[in-house]
Amino acid sequence: MITHIVFFNIKPELNKEEVLNSLKKRLLNLNHSIKELKHLEFGINFNSSPASYDAALYSTFDSKKDLETYQNHPEHIEAKEYIADVTTTRAVVDYEI
């Protein structure tokens, strides 16, 4: 199984709550449109630590090939373009168990 985790920080000049809710809706909708995606969760952070990110995405796939298919899917690419517009930083970890 492949796990794909992404952390996001939203641009400070934007309405963080509005952006995070929009991002959550966009990403959770991918559960219904990309068959290679086994599971996707999106969580909005409540921790106020300076080391924390604003949100996290957690998703799983059966194989690296399925992750690649997901990453190149048009709906995921559309979500990535929105993410690029609204985030300052992003961290990604992919691993296999």
PDB file of N, CA and C in Angstrom:
ATOM      1  N   MET A   1       0.839  -1.177   0.000  1.00  0.00           N
ATOM      2  CA  MET A   1       0.000   0.000   0.000  1.00  0.00           C
ATOM      3  C   MET A   1       0.887   1.246   0.000  1.00  0.00           C
ATOM      4  N   ILE A   2       0.443   2.254  -0.748  1.00  0.00           N
ATOM      5  CA  ILE A   2       1.143   3.530  -0.847  1.00  0.00           C
ATOM      6  C   ILE A   2       0.359   4.575  -0.057  1.00  0.00           C
ATOM      7  N   THR A   3       1.064   5.334   0.765  1.00  0.00           N
ATOM      8  CA  THR A   3       0.460   6.437   1.504  1.00  0.00           C
ATOM      9  C   THR A   3       1.061   7.740   0.995  1.00  0.00           C
ATOM     10  N   HIS A   4       0.187   8.703   0.752  1.00  0.00           N
ATOM     11  CA  HIS A   4       0.567  10.027   0.237  1.00  0.00           C
ATOM     12  C   HIS A   4       0.024  11.057   1.222  1.00  0.00           C
ATOM     13  N   ILE A   5       0.933  11.818   1.842  1.00  0.00           N
ATOM     14  CA  ILE A   5       0.549  12.827   2.829  1.00  0.00           C
ATOM     15  C   ILE A   5       1.072  14.185   2.368  1.00  0.00           C
ATOM     16  N   VAL A   6       0.212  15.192   2.453  1.00  0.00           N
ATOM     17  CA  VAL A   6       0.598  16.551   2.065  1.00  0.00           C
ATOM     18  C   VAL A   6       0.157  17.516   3.167  1.00  0.00           C
ATOM     19  N   PHE A   7       1.043  18.415   3.544  1.00  0.00           N
ATOM     20  CA  PHE A   7       0.734  19.479   4.493  1.00  0.00           C
ATOM     21  C   PHE A   7       0.701  20.809   3.749  1.00  0.00           C
ATOM     22  N   PHE A   8      -0.214  21.694   4.136  1.00  0.00           N
ATOM     23  CA  PHE A   8      -0.402  22.961   3.444  1.00  0.00           C
ATOM     24  C   PHE A   8      -0.400  24.131   4.425  1.00  0.00           C
ATOM     25  N   ASN A   9       0.167  25.253   3.999  1.00  0.00           N
ATOM     26  CA  ASN A   9       0.000  26.532   4.684  1.00  0.00           C
ATOM     27  C   ASN A   9      -0.647  27.497   3.702  1.00  0.00           C
ATOM     28  N   ILE A  10      -1.684  28.179   4.158  1.00  0.00           N
ATOM     29  CA  ILE A  10      -2.442  29.104   3.325  1.00  0.00           C
ATOM     30  C   ILE A  10      -1.801  30.492   3.369  1.00  0.00           C
ATOM     31  N   LYS A  11      -1.851  31.192   2.235  1.00  0.00           N
ATOM     32  CA  LYS A  11      -1.307  32.550   2.170  1.00  0.00           C
ATOM     33  C   LYS A  11      -1.979  33.421   3.229  1.00  0.00           C
ATOM     34  N   PRO A  12      -1.197  34.182   4.000  1.00  0.00           N
ATOM     35  CA  PRO A  12      -1.766  34.949   5.115  1.00  0.00           C
ATOM     36  C   PRO A  12      -2.742  36.036   4.688  1.00  0.00           C
ATOM     37  N   GLU A  13      -2.637  36.522   3.467  1.00  0.00           N
ATOM     38  CA  GLU A  13      -3.529  37.599   3.029  1.00  0.00           C
ATOM     39  C   GLU A  13      -4.918  37.093   2.620  1.00  0.00           C
ATOM     40  N   LEU A  14      -5.086  35.784   2.563  1.00  0.00           N
ATOM     41  CA  LEU A  14      -6.379  35.207   2.181  1.00  0.00           C
ATOM     42  C   LEU A  14      -7.221  34.893   3.412  1.00  0.00           C
ATOM     43  N   ASN A  15      -8.503  34.721   3.193  1.00  0.00           N
ATOM     44  CA  ASN A  15      -9.411  34.303   4.257  1.00  0.00           C
ATOM     45  C   ASN A  15      -9.183  32.810   4.480  1.00  0.00           C
ATOM     46  N   LYS A  16      -8.421  32.478   5.523  1.00  0.00           N
ATOM     47  CA  LYS A  16      -7.977  31.104   5.758  1.00  0.00           C
ATOM     48  C   LYS A  16      -9.149  30.129   5.866  1.00  0.00           C
ATOM     49  N   GLU A  17     -10.166  30.484   6.620  1.00  0.00           N
ATOM     50  CA  GLU A  17     -11.301  29.580   6.818  1.00  0.00           C
ATOM     51  C   GLU A  17     -12.010  29.291   5.491  1.00  0.00           C
ATOM     52  N   GLU A  18     -12.226  30.322   4.704  1.00  0.00           N
ATOM     53  CA  GLU A  18     -12.891  30.166   3.407  1.00  0.00           C
ATOM     54  C   GLU A  18     -12.064  29.289   2.472  1.00  0.00           C
ATOM     55  N   VAL A  19     -10.780  29.570   2.394  1.00  0.00           N
ATOM     56  CA  VAL A  19      -9.890  28.809   1.511  1.00  0.00           C
ATOM     57  C   VAL A  19      -9.817  27.343   1.949  1.00  0.00           C
ATOM     58  N   LEU A  20      -9.662  27.100   3.237  1.00  0.00           N
ATOM     59  CA  LEU A  20      -9.558  25.722   3.724  1.00  0.00           C
ATOM     60  C   LEU A  20     -10.845  24.936   3.468  1.00  0.00           C
ATOM     61  N   ASN A  21     -11.984  25.574   3.647  1.00  0.00           N
ATOM     62  CA  ASN A  21     -13.247  24.885   3.376  1.00  0.00           C
ATOM     63  C   ASN A  21     -13.401  24.571   1.889  1.00  0.00           C
ATOM     64  N   SER A  22     -12.994  25.494   1.036  1.00  0.00           N
ATOM     65  CA  SER A  22     -13.033  25.250  -0.410  1.00  0.00           C
ATOM     66  C   SER A  22     -12.076  24.134  -0.797  1.00  0.00           C
ATOM     67  N   LEU A  23     -10.874  24.187  -0.247  1.00  0.00           N
ATOM     68  CA  LEU A  23      -9.876  23.162  -0.532  1.00  0.00           C
ATOM     69  C   LEU A  23     -10.349  21.788  -0.067  1.00  0.00           C
ATOM     70  N   LYS A  24     -10.929  21.735   1.117  1.00  0.00           N
ATOM     71  CA  LYS A  24     -11.452  20.473   1.641  1.00  0.00           C
ATOM     72  C   LYS A  24     -12.507  19.892   0.705  1.00  0.00           C
ATOM     73  N   LYS A  25     -13.431  20.717   0.270  1.00  0.00           N
ATOM     74  CA  LYS A  25     -14.493  20.248  -0.633  1.00  0.00           C
ATOM     75  C   LYS A  25     -13.905  19.727  -1.945  1.00  0.00           C
ATOM     76  N   ARG A  26     -12.983  20.483  -2.534  1.00  0.00           N
ATOM     77  CA  ARG A  26     -12.363  20.080  -3.802  1.00  0.00           C
ATOM     78  C   ARG A  26     -11.642  18.728  -3.663  1.00  0.00           C
ATOM     79  N   LEU A  27     -10.869  18.595  -2.590  1.00  0.00           N
ATOM     80  CA  LEU A  27     -10.072  17.375  -2.439  1.00  0.00           C
ATOM     81  C   LEU A  27     -10.936  16.166  -2.067  1.00  0.00           C
ATOM     82  N   LEU A  28     -11.896  16.338  -1.200  1.00  0.00           N
ATOM     83  CA  LEU A  28     -12.762  15.208  -0.840  1.00  0.00           C
ATOM     84  C   LEU A  28     -13.569  14.716  -2.039  1.00  0.00           C
ATOM     85  N   ASN A  29     -13.903  15.609  -2.959  1.00  0.00           N
ATOM     86  CA  ASN A  29     -14.625  15.200  -4.168  1.00  0.00           C
ATOM     87  C   ASN A  29     -13.804  14.250  -5.036  1.00  0.00           C
ATOM     88  N   LEU A  30     -12.489  14.277  -4.893  1.00  0.00           N
ATOM     89  CA  LEU A  30     -11.649  13.365  -5.672  1.00  0.00           C
ATOM     90  C   LEU A  30     -11.919  11.909  -5.308  1.00  0.00           C
ATOM     91  N   ASN A  31     -12.408  11.667  -4.084  1.00  0.00           N
ATOM     92  CA  ASN A  31     -12.764  10.306  -3.671  1.00  0.00           C
ATOM     93  C   ASN A  31     -13.780   9.673  -4.613  1.00  0.00           C
ATOM     94  N   HIS A  32     -14.611  10.496  -5.243  1.00  0.00           N
ATOM     95  CA  HIS A  32     -15.696  10.001  -6.079  1.00  0.00           C
ATOM     96  C   HIS A  32     -15.343   9.942  -7.560  1.00  0.00           C
ATOM     97  N   SER A  33     -14.228  10.549  -7.940  1.00  0.00           N
ATOM     98  CA  SER A  33     -13.949  10.664  -9.367  1.00  0.00           C
ATOM     99  C   SER A  33     -12.672   9.979  -9.842  1.00  0.00           C
ATOM    100  N   ILE A  34     -11.839   9.528  -8.921  1.00  0.00           N
ATOM    101  CA  ILE A  34     -10.586   8.879  -9.327  1.00  0.00           C
ATOM    102  C   ILE A  34     -10.578   7.475  -8.742  1.00  0.00           C
ATOM    103  N   LYS A  35     -10.796   6.484  -9.602  1.00  0.00           N
ATOM    104  CA  LYS A  35     -10.978   5.105  -9.119  1.00  0.00           C
ATOM    105  C   LYS A  35      -9.714   4.527  -8.484  1.00  0.00           C
ATOM    106  N   GLU A  36      -8.544   5.010  -8.857  1.00  0.00           N
ATOM    107  CA  GLU A  36      -7.293   4.503  -8.287  1.00  0.00           C
ATOM    108  C   GLU A  36      -7.081   4.965  -6.844  1.00  0.00           C
ATOM    109  N   LEU A  37      -7.792   5.974  -6.448  1.00  0.00           N
ATOM    110  CA  LEU A  37      -7.696   6.527  -5.100  1.00  0.00           C
ATOM    111  C   LEU A  37      -8.509   5.653  -4.149  1.00  0.00           C
ATOM    112  N   LYS A  38      -7.801   4.960  -3.229  1.00  0.00           N
ATOM    113  CA  LYS A  38      -8.506   4.094  -2.279  1.00  0.00           C
ATOM    114  C   LYS A  38      -9.210   4.903  -1.197  1.00  0.00           C
ATOM    115  N   HIS A  39      -8.531   5.922  -0.686  1.00  0.00           N
ATOM    116  CA  HIS A  39      -9.082   6.692   0.425  1.00  0.00           C
ATOM    117  C   HIS A  39      -8.369   8.042   0.487  1.00  0.00           C
ATOM    118  N   LEU A  40      -9.141   9.099   0.770  1.00  0.00           N
ATOM    119  CA  LEU A  40      -8.563  10.424   0.942  1.00  0.00           C
ATOM    120  C   LEU A  40      -9.272  11.112   2.100  1.00  0.00           C
ATOM    121  N   GLU A  41      -8.469  11.673   2.990  1.00  0.00           N
ATOM    122  CA  GLU A  41      -8.970  12.487   4.102  1.00  0.00           C
ATOM    123  C   GLU A  41      -8.321  13.857   4.004  1.00  0.00           C
ATOM    124  N   PHE A  42      -9.046  14.872   4.461  1.00  0.00           N
ATOM    125  CA  PHE A  42      -8.486  16.215   4.530  1.00  0.00           C
ATOM    126  C   PHE A  42      -8.845  16.781   5.887  1.00  0.00           C
ATOM    127  N   GLY A  43      -7.850  17.208   6.642  1.00  0.00           N
ATOM    128  CA  GLY A  43      -8.087  17.746   7.969  1.00  0.00           C
ATOM    129  C   GLY A  43      -7.563  19.152   8.111  1.00  0.00           C
ATOM    130  N   ILE A  44      -8.351  19.982   8.801  1.00  0.00           N
ATOM    131  CA  ILE A  44      -7.961  21.358   9.081  1.00  0.00           C
ATOM    132  C   ILE A  44      -7.370  21.399  10.493  1.00  0.00           C
ATOM    133  N   ASN A  45      -6.181  21.937  10.603  1.00  0.00           N
ATOM    134  CA  ASN A  45      -5.437  21.951  11.856  1.00  0.00           C
ATOM    135  C   ASN A  45      -6.080  22.846  12.911  1.00  0.00           C
ATOM    136  N   PHE A  46      -6.067  22.389  14.164  1.00  0.00           N
ATOM    137  CA  PHE A  46      -6.509  23.226  15.279  1.00  0.00           C
ATOM    138  C   PHE A  46      -5.362  23.527  16.243  1.00  0.00           C
ATOM    139  N   ASN A  47      -4.166  23.008  15.975  1.00  0.00           N
ATOM    140  CA  ASN A  47      -2.993  23.199  16.818  1.00  0.00           C
ATOM    141  C   ASN A  47      -2.364  24.560  16.512  1.00  0.00           C
ATOM    142  N   SER A  48      -2.077  25.340  17.525  1.00  0.00           N
ATOM    143  CA  SER A  48      -1.532  26.679  17.310  1.00  0.00           C
ATOM    144  C   SER A  48      -0.002  26.742  17.379  1.00  0.00           C
ATOM    145  N   SER A  49       0.653  25.609  17.365  1.00  0.00           N
ATOM    146  CA  SER A  49       2.116  25.581  17.415  1.00  0.00           C
ATOM    147  C   SER A  49       2.708  26.297  16.193  1.00  0.00           C
ATOM    148  N   PRO A  50       3.800  27.038  16.380  1.00  0.00           N
ATOM    149  CA  PRO A  50       4.463  27.682  15.238  1.00  0.00           C
ATOM    150  C   PRO A  50       4.977  26.666  14.209  1.00  0.00           C
ATOM    151  N   ALA A  51       5.157  25.428  14.627  1.00  0.00           N
ATOM    152  CA  ALA A  51       5.654  24.395  13.718  1.00  0.00           C
ATOM    153  C   ALA A  51       4.540  23.717  12.924  1.00  0.00           C
ATOM    154  N   SER A  52       3.289  24.055  13.210  1.00  0.00           N
ATOM    155  CA  SER A  52       2.179  23.354  12.563  1.00  0.00           C
ATOM    156  C   SER A  52       1.852  23.938  11.190  1.00  0.00           C
ATOM    157  N   TYR A  53       1.197  23.118  10.388  1.00  0.00           N
ATOM    158  CA  TYR A  53       0.665  23.535   9.090  1.00  0.00           C
ATOM    159  C   TYR A  53      -0.827  23.788   9.255  1.00  0.00           C
ATOM    160  N   ASP A  54      -1.427  24.462   8.267  1.00  0.00           N
ATOM    161  CA  ASP A  54      -2.850  24.789   8.331  1.00  0.00           C
ATOM    162  C   ASP A  54      -3.750  23.584   8.070  1.00  0.00           C
ATOM    163  N   ALA A  55      -3.283  22.645   7.259  1.00  0.00           N
ATOM    164  CA  ALA A  55      -4.123  21.503   6.895  1.00  0.00           C
ATOM    165  C   ALA A  55      -3.254  20.351   6.417  1.00  0.00           C
ATOM    166  N   ALA A  56      -3.879  19.168   6.374  1.00  0.00           N
ATOM    167  CA  ALA A  56      -3.182  17.975   5.895  1.00  0.00           C
ATOM    168  C   ALA A  56      -4.118  17.127   5.046  1.00  0.00           C
ATOM    169  N   LEU A  57      -3.538  16.517   4.047  1.00  0.00           N
ATOM    170  CA  LEU A  57      -4.226  15.549   3.213  1.00  0.00           C
ATOM    171  C   LEU A  57      -3.567  14.198   3.458  1.00  0.00           C
ATOM    172  N   TYR A  58      -4.392  13.177   3.613  1.00  0.00           N
ATOM    173  CA  TYR A  58      -3.906  11.802   3.792  1.00  0.00           C
ATOM    174  C   TYR A  58      -4.638  10.950   2.764  1.00  0.00           C
ATOM    175  N   SER A  59      -3.895  10.241   1.922  1.00  0.00           N
ATOM    176  CA  SER A  59      -4.537   9.386   0.925  1.00  0.00           C
ATOM    177  C   SER A  59      -3.751   8.094   0.754  1.00  0.00           C
ATOM    178  N   THR A  60      -4.466   7.065   0.276  1.00  0.00           N
ATOM    179  CA  THR A  60      -3.834   5.761   0.081  1.00  0.00           C
ATOM    180  C   THR A  60      -4.169   5.208  -1.296  1.00  0.00           C
ATOM    181  N   PHE A  61      -3.240   4.371  -1.768  1.00  0.00           N
ATOM    182  CA  PHE A  61      -3.325   3.771  -3.100  1.00  0.00           C
ATOM    183  C   PHE A  61      -2.798   2.345  -3.024  1.00  0.00           C
ATOM    184  N   ASP A  62      -3.214   1.522  -3.965  1.00  0.00           N
ATOM    185  CA  ASP A  62      -2.729   0.141  -4.002  1.00  0.00           C
ATOM    186  C   ASP A  62      -1.288   0.044  -4.514  1.00  0.00           C
ATOM    187  N   SER A  63      -0.875   1.003  -5.358  1.00  0.00           N
ATOM    188  CA  SER A  63       0.454   0.897  -5.977  1.00  0.00           C
ATOM    189  C   SER A  63       0.997   2.283  -6.329  1.00  0.00           C
ATOM    190  N   LYS A  64       2.283   2.336  -6.614  1.00  0.00           N
ATOM    191  CA  LYS A  64       2.901   3.578  -7.075  1.00  0.00           C
ATOM    192  C   LYS A  64       2.280   4.022  -8.392  1.00  0.00           C
ATOM    193  N   LYS A  65       1.940   3.057  -9.234  1.00  0.00           N
ATOM    194  CA  LYS A  65       1.292   3.365 -10.514  1.00  0.00           C
ATOM    195  C   LYS A  65      -0.050   4.055 -10.277  1.00  0.00           C
ATOM    196  N   ASP A  66      -0.823   3.586  -9.302  1.00  0.00           N
ATOM    197  CA  ASP A  66      -2.108   4.222  -8.991  1.00  0.00           C
ATOM    198  C   ASP A  66      -1.906   5.642  -8.469  1.00  0.00           C
ATOM    199  N   LEU A  67      -0.874   5.868  -7.667  1.00  0.00           N
ATOM    200  CA  LEU A  67      -0.555   7.213  -7.198  1.00  0.00           C
ATOM    201  C   LEU A  67      -0.218   8.108  -8.387  1.00  0.00           C
ATOM    202  N   GLU A  68       0.566   7.606  -9.310  1.00  0.00           N
ATOM    203  CA  GLU A  68       0.927   8.375 -10.498  1.00  0.00           C
ATOM    204  C   GLU A  68      -0.310   8.712 -11.336  1.00  0.00           C
ATOM    205  N   THR A  69      -1.212   7.739 -11.481  1.00  0.00           N
ATOM    206  CA  THR A  69      -2.448   7.982 -12.224  1.00  0.00           C
ATOM    207  C   THR A  69      -3.253   9.089 -11.555  1.00  0.00           C
ATOM    208  N   TYR A  70      -3.366   9.023 -10.241  1.00  0.00           N
ATOM    209  CA  TYR A  70      -4.062  10.059  -9.460  1.00  0.00           C
ATOM    210  C   TYR A  70      -3.426  11.421  -9.688  1.00  0.00           C
ATOM    211  N   GLN A  71      -2.108  11.486  -9.622  1.00  0.00           N
ATOM    212  CA  GLN A  71      -1.405  12.761  -9.747  1.00  0.00           C
ATOM    213  C   GLN A  71      -1.573  13.381 -11.132  1.00  0.00           C
ATOM    214  N   ASN A  72      -1.823  12.554 -12.140  1.00  0.00           N
ATOM    215  CA  ASN A  72      -1.984  13.051 -13.501  1.00  0.00           C
ATOM    216  C   ASN A  72      -3.443  13.153 -13.942  1.00  0.00           C
ATOM    217  N   HIS A  73      -4.359  12.827 -13.054  1.00  0.00           N
ATOM    218  CA  HIS A  73      -5.781  12.909 -13.377  1.00  0.00           C
ATOM    219  C   HIS A  73      -6.185  14.385 -13.533  1.00  0.00           C
ATOM    220  N   PRO A  74      -6.990  14.723 -14.541  1.00  0.00           N
ATOM    221  CA  PRO A  74      -7.366  16.128 -14.765  1.00  0.00           C
ATOM    222  C   PRO A  74      -8.004  16.807 -13.551  1.00  0.00           C
ATOM    223  N   GLU A  75      -8.813  16.103 -12.778  1.00  0.00           N
ATOM    224  CA  GLU A  75      -9.440  16.726 -11.606  1.00  0.00           C
ATOM    225  C   GLU A  75      -8.412  16.994 -10.504  1.00  0.00           C
ATOM    226  N   HIS A  76      -7.415  16.123 -10.387  1.00  0.00           N
ATOM    227  CA  HIS A  76      -6.348  16.372  -9.413  1.00  0.00           C
ATOM    228  C   HIS A  76      -5.482  17.541  -9.869  1.00  0.00           C
ATOM    229  N   ILE A  77      -5.202  17.603 -11.146  1.00  0.00           N
ATOM    230  CA  ILE A  77      -4.408  18.714 -11.674  1.00  0.00           C
ATOM    231  C   ILE A  77      -5.128  20.040 -11.435  1.00  0.00           C
ATOM    232  N   GLU A  78      -6.433  20.056 -11.618  1.00  0.00           N
ATOM    233  CA  GLU A  78      -7.220  21.263 -11.343  1.00  0.00           C
ATOM    234  C   GLU A  78      -7.115  21.658  -9.868  1.00  0.00           C
ATOM    235  N   ALA A  79      -7.195  20.676  -8.986  1.00  0.00           N
ATOM    236  CA  ALA A  79      -7.053  20.953  -7.546  1.00  0.00           C
ATOM    237  C   ALA A  79      -5.647  21.475  -7.240  1.00  0.00           C
ATOM    238  N   LYS A  80      -4.625  20.890  -7.864  1.00  0.00           N
ATOM    239  CA  LYS A  80      -3.245  21.340  -7.642  1.00  0.00           C
ATOM    240  C   LYS A  80      -3.050  22.789  -8.070  1.00  0.00           C
ATOM    241  N   GLU A  81      -3.706  23.187  -9.150  1.00  0.00           N
ATOM    242  CA  GLU A  81      -3.588  24.569  -9.618  1.00  0.00           C
ATOM    243  C   GLU A  81      -4.194  25.524  -8.593  1.00  0.00           C
ATOM    244  N   TYR A  82      -5.331  25.143  -8.012  1.00  0.00           N
ATOM    245  CA  TYR A  82      -5.942  25.962  -6.957  1.00  0.00           C
ATOM    246  C   TYR A  82      -5.006  26.019  -5.745  1.00  0.00           C
ATOM    247  N   ILE A  83      -4.449  24.881  -5.375  1.00  0.00           N
ATOM    248  CA  ILE A  83      -3.529  24.814  -4.242  1.00  0.00           C
ATOM    249  C   ILE A  83      -2.335  25.746  -4.456  1.00  0.00           C
ATOM    250  N   ALA A  84      -1.791  25.744  -5.651  1.00  0.00           N
ATOM    251  CA  ALA A  84      -0.648  26.612  -5.958  1.00  0.00           C
ATOM    252  C   ALA A  84      -1.011  28.088  -5.790  1.00  0.00           C
ATOM    253  N   ASP A  85      -2.265  28.432  -6.084  1.00  0.00           N
ATOM    254  CA  ASP A  85      -2.712  29.821  -5.978  1.00  0.00           C
ATOM    255  C   ASP A  85      -2.934  30.278  -4.532  1.00  0.00           C
ATOM    256  N   VAL A  86      -3.243  29.339  -3.632  1.00  0.00           N
ATOM    257  CA  VAL A  86      -3.664  29.740  -2.277  1.00  0.00           C
ATOM    258  C   VAL A  86      -2.679  29.367  -1.171  1.00  0.00           C
ATOM    259  N   THR A  87      -1.611  28.668  -1.490  1.00  0.00           N
ATOM    260  CA  THR A  87      -0.680  28.227  -0.445  1.00  0.00           C
ATOM    261  C   THR A  87       0.668  28.924  -0.537  1.00  0.00           C
ATOM    262  N   THR A  88       1.318  28.997   0.619  1.00  0.00           N
ATOM    263  CA  THR A  88       2.680  29.530   0.667  1.00  0.00           C
ATOM    264  C   THR A  88       3.689  28.391   0.705  1.00  0.00           C
ATOM    265  N   THR A  89       3.388  27.372   1.478  1.00  0.00           N
ATOM    266  CA  THR A  89       4.299  26.235   1.595  1.00  0.00           C
ATOM    267  C   THR A  89       3.507  24.938   1.572  1.00  0.00           C
ATOM    268  N   ARG A  90       4.226  23.904   1.185  1.00  0.00           N
ATOM    269  CA  ARG A  90       3.632  22.582   1.092  1.00  0.00           C
ATOM    270  C   ARG A  90       4.734  21.586   1.400  1.00  0.00           C
ATOM    271  N   ALA A  91       4.379  20.515   2.096  1.00  0.00           N
ATOM    272  CA  ALA A  91       5.333  19.432   2.367  1.00  0.00           C
ATOM    273  C   ALA A  91       4.649  18.125   1.977  1.00  0.00           C
ATOM    274  N   VAL A  92       5.422  17.231   1.366  1.00  0.00           N
ATOM    275  CA  VAL A  92       4.856  15.977   0.865  1.00  0.00           C
ATOM    276  C   VAL A  92       5.708  14.811   1.322  1.00  0.00           C
ATOM    277  N   VAL A  93       5.038  13.721   1.719  1.00  0.00           N
ATOM    278  CA  VAL A  93       5.711  12.467   2.012  1.00  0.00           C
ATOM    279  C   VAL A  93       4.913  11.356   1.352  1.00  0.00           C
ATOM    280  N   ASP A  94       5.606  10.522   0.585  1.00  0.00           N
ATOM    281  CA  ASP A  94       5.023   9.316   0.002  1.00  0.00           C
ATOM    282  C   ASP A  94       5.821   8.141   0.522  1.00  0.00           C
ATOM    283  N   TYR A  95       5.111   7.099   0.992  1.00  0.00           N
ATOM    284  CA  TYR A  95       5.834   5.912   1.462  1.00  0.00           C
ATOM    285  C   TYR A  95       5.016   4.660   1.188  1.00  0.00           C
ATOM    286  N   GLU A  96       5.734   3.548   1.208  1.00  0.00           N
ATOM    287  CA  GLU A  96       5.119   2.252   0.929  1.00  0.00           C
ATOM    288  C   GLU A  96       5.212   1.371   2.167  1.00  0.00           C
ATOM    289  N   ILE A  97       4.122   0.702   2.496  1.00  0.00           N
ATOM    290  CA  ILE A  97       4.156  -0.247   3.617  1.00  0.00           C
ATOM    291  C   ILE A  97       3.724  -1.617   3.143  1.00  0.00           C
TER     292      ILE A  97
END
